[in-house]
Amino acid sequence: MRRLIDRFGQIKLTILVTLVAILLAEILAWGLSQIFFLGYPAPSAPLLTLLVTAVVTPLLAWHVLKYLLYIERMEQEMHHMATYDPLTHFYTRQAFFIQVQQRYQHAPSYAVAFIDVDDFKSINDTYGHAYGDKVLIDIGKRFMQTLGEDCLIGRIGGEEFALVTETDAASMRGQMEILRHAVAHSKIPYRTTPFGYTISIGIFENKSPDTLTIDDALSRADQALYRAKELGKNRTIVYTESLSNSASAQHSAQFRSSTTPQSPVTN
């Protein structure tokens, strides 16, 4: 039915349904006349059938089609809300993991960046949640201006973002440094005095996707991110094995166990 609506449009389809209904009504009247041995056409019967069908059918068809179109629009809106974050227009957490599975399940290697807005709680407490939202909107613009649409980006937490692309750690770091500097120089209007914000970034290059899942890659990128926070924030750190036994690893393990669901990625 939806394909017919898309093909003919609501008005044309209503007319088509009306004509079919008139034809069926005439066939039904003829059939009843044969069953009950009535003469056909009876005086004024075809005209009455035509008038009743021509009035009732389009009214019913119009409202039914309108209701079907409304349901389809609601389904599309719900799908969009489930897929895209309304502030940044990045993928939502669930949609991000689904996209990772589809795009990178068989990739030979890829790099992951875990990005966090520094002191975001303090921004909300100081300037209000409305300005916290403005920070998220601004960072969405900075991402798109700096990175374009080639990277897979998801908002996987309140002020936390994950990025995946088929590149190496060095190239990813170069891109993230451009992003970090762009963010550091941005200003959010606040009354008469604009305020700035910064981000910290952790990077991990997954060279063994057959043995390390996206959750493993994000966990290592999160360890690098936590190290960036320890060193003073507003910096980019690439994961090294030395972080695996540090406080960063313990923080990441606690963080992941409480916030990260099992990724749908299977290798």
Foldseek 3Di string as FASTA:
>chain_A
DVVVCVVQNLVRVLVVQLVVQLVVLLVVVVVVCVVVVHDPPDVCPSVVSNVVSNPPSSVVSNVVVVVVVVVVVVVVVVVCVQAAPPLLRAGEQQNLLVVCQVPPLPPQKKKKKKKFWPPLVVCCVPQNVVVSSVLNNVLSVLCCVQPNDQWHKYDHDDGMIMIMHHDAPVVVQVSVLSSQVVQQPDWDDDPPDTDGTGMFMFMEMGNCCQPAPVLNNVLQSQLQRVVCVVVPGSYYGYGDPVSCPDVSNVVSVVVCVPRPDDRPRDD
